[in-house]
Protein backbone atom coordinates (compact mmCIF):
# COMPACT_ATOMS: atom_id res chain seq x y z
CA MET A 1 71.12 78.81 -192.28
CA ASN A 2 73.35 80.58 -189.80
CA LYS A 3 75.89 78.61 -187.85
CA VAL A 4 74.77 77.98 -184.28
CA GLU A 5 77.37 78.23 -181.56
CA PRO A 6 77.04 75.59 -178.80
CA THR A 7 76.13 77.34 -175.57
CA PHE A 8 74.44 74.74 -173.39
CA ILE A 9 75.41 71.26 -174.54
CA ASN A 10 78.25 69.44 -172.86
CA PRO A 11 79.40 66.81 -175.38
CA GLN A 12 80.36 64.31 -172.66
CA TYR A 13 76.65 63.94 -171.82
CA ILE A 14 75.25 63.25 -175.28
CA ASN A 15 75.25 60.02 -177.24
CA GLU A 16 76.55 59.41 -180.76
CA ASP A 17 73.20 60.09 -182.51
CA GLU A 18 72.66 63.31 -180.56
CA MET A 19 76.22 64.42 -181.42
CA ARG A 20 75.59 63.74 -185.12
CA ILE A 21 72.38 65.78 -184.98
CA TRP A 22 74.11 68.59 -183.09
CA ASN A 23 76.85 68.67 -185.73
CA ILE A 24 74.29 68.84 -188.55
CA PHE A 25 72.52 71.84 -187.03
CA SER A 26 75.57 73.64 -185.65
CA GLN A 27 77.38 73.42 -189.00
CA GLY A 28 74.40 74.75 -190.90
CA GLU A 29 73.92 71.59 -192.95
CA ALA A 30 70.19 71.22 -192.30
CA ASN A 31 67.76 73.08 -194.53
CA THR A 32 64.85 72.77 -192.14
CA PRO A 33 64.36 71.10 -188.75
CA ASP A 34 61.76 68.80 -190.38
CA GLU A 35 64.44 67.38 -192.67
CA HIS A 36 66.06 65.65 -189.66
CA GLU A 37 62.97 65.11 -187.50
CA PRO A 38 63.22 61.28 -187.65
CA PHE A 39 66.63 61.54 -185.93
CA LEU A 40 65.61 63.81 -183.07
CA GLY A 41 63.54 61.52 -180.84
CA SER A 42 61.42 62.68 -177.93
CA ALA A 43 62.69 65.44 -175.66
CA LYS A 44 60.55 63.96 -172.88
CA ALA A 45 62.48 60.69 -173.18
CA THR A 46 65.87 62.43 -172.97
CA GLN A 47 67.86 63.55 -169.96
CA VAL A 48 71.18 65.33 -170.15
CA GLY A 49 73.44 64.27 -167.28
CA GLY A 50 72.33 61.42 -165.03
CA ASP A 51 69.19 59.31 -164.88
CA HIS A 52 67.47 60.72 -161.79
CA TYR A 53 64.48 61.88 -163.89
CA SER A 54 64.49 59.58 -166.91
CA LYS A 55 64.03 56.51 -164.71
CA LEU A 56 60.74 57.91 -163.39
CA LYS A 57 57.33 56.99 -164.80
CA ILE A 58 56.71 60.70 -165.46
CA GLN A 59 59.35 63.41 -165.30
CA PRO A 60 58.74 66.39 -162.99
CA MET A 61 58.77 68.84 -165.93
CA GLU A 62 56.15 66.84 -167.82
CA TYR A 63 53.97 66.69 -164.68
CA SER A 64 54.41 70.40 -164.00
CA MET A 65 53.54 71.40 -167.54
CA ALA A 66 50.47 69.14 -167.65
CA ASN A 67 49.21 70.67 -164.41
CA GLU A 68 50.21 74.27 -165.27
CA LEU A 69 52.33 74.69 -162.15
CA ASN A 70 54.33 77.84 -161.57
CA ALA A 71 58.12 77.89 -161.29
CA LEU A 72 58.21 77.54 -157.49
CA GLN A 73 55.77 74.64 -157.48
CA HIS A 74 57.73 72.88 -160.21
CA THR A 75 61.08 73.46 -158.55
CA ALA A 76 59.89 72.12 -155.18
CA ILE A 77 58.54 68.99 -156.88
CA LYS A 78 61.79 68.58 -158.82
CA TYR A 79 63.95 68.72 -155.69
CA VAL A 80 61.68 66.42 -153.65
CA THR A 81 61.59 63.92 -156.51
CA ARG A 82 65.36 63.66 -156.90
CA TYR A 83 66.62 64.18 -153.34
CA GLN A 84 67.65 60.53 -152.87
CA ASP A 85 69.30 60.15 -156.27
CA LYS A 86 71.71 63.06 -156.79
CA GLY A 87 74.03 62.45 -153.84
CA THR A 88 73.03 65.65 -152.00
CA PRO A 89 69.79 64.66 -150.21
CA LEU A 90 69.78 67.29 -147.46
CA GLN A 91 70.73 70.04 -149.90
CA ASP A 92 67.93 69.08 -152.30
CA LEU A 93 65.41 68.91 -149.44
CA ALA A 94 66.61 72.33 -148.21
CA LYS A 95 66.14 73.70 -151.74
CA ALA A 96 62.60 72.28 -151.86
CA LYS A 97 61.86 73.78 -148.44
CA HIS A 98 63.19 77.15 -149.62
CA CYS A 99 60.78 77.07 -152.57
CA ILE A 100 57.90 76.18 -150.25
CA ASP A 101 58.91 78.94 -147.81
CA MET A 102 58.87 81.38 -150.75
CA MET A 103 55.37 80.18 -151.74
CA ILE A 104 54.15 80.62 -148.15
CA GLU A 105 55.64 84.11 -147.97
CA ASP A 106 54.09 85.07 -151.30
CA TRP A 107 50.69 83.70 -150.30
CA MET A 108 50.77 85.57 -146.98
CA GLU A 109 51.72 88.85 -148.70
CA ASN A 110 48.95 88.53 -151.29
CA HIS A 111 46.13 87.00 -149.25
CA GLU A 112 45.94 89.04 -146.05
């Protein structure tokens, strides 16, 4: 197995078990992903950085995937869902509005 270089994980946001798993895979010690499957847990139950999604009954990504939403629909839902929890409420609402404005513009261009 080739050594994997960390490119997207910030160690300050992962717990001890996740760090142990990351070390196993990044150091090439695992033969197959199935070998360590009992240690991995559910990706849906994990959030990296904060708790603004994991405290919800259903995370925006899970909802979006189940309903086959496109990227703009998902992103608008994501920003509206978290706007009160991230400390930047007006910015998150503006981001959601921008996504909705893009959807309106796209619809108008393609449905005249």
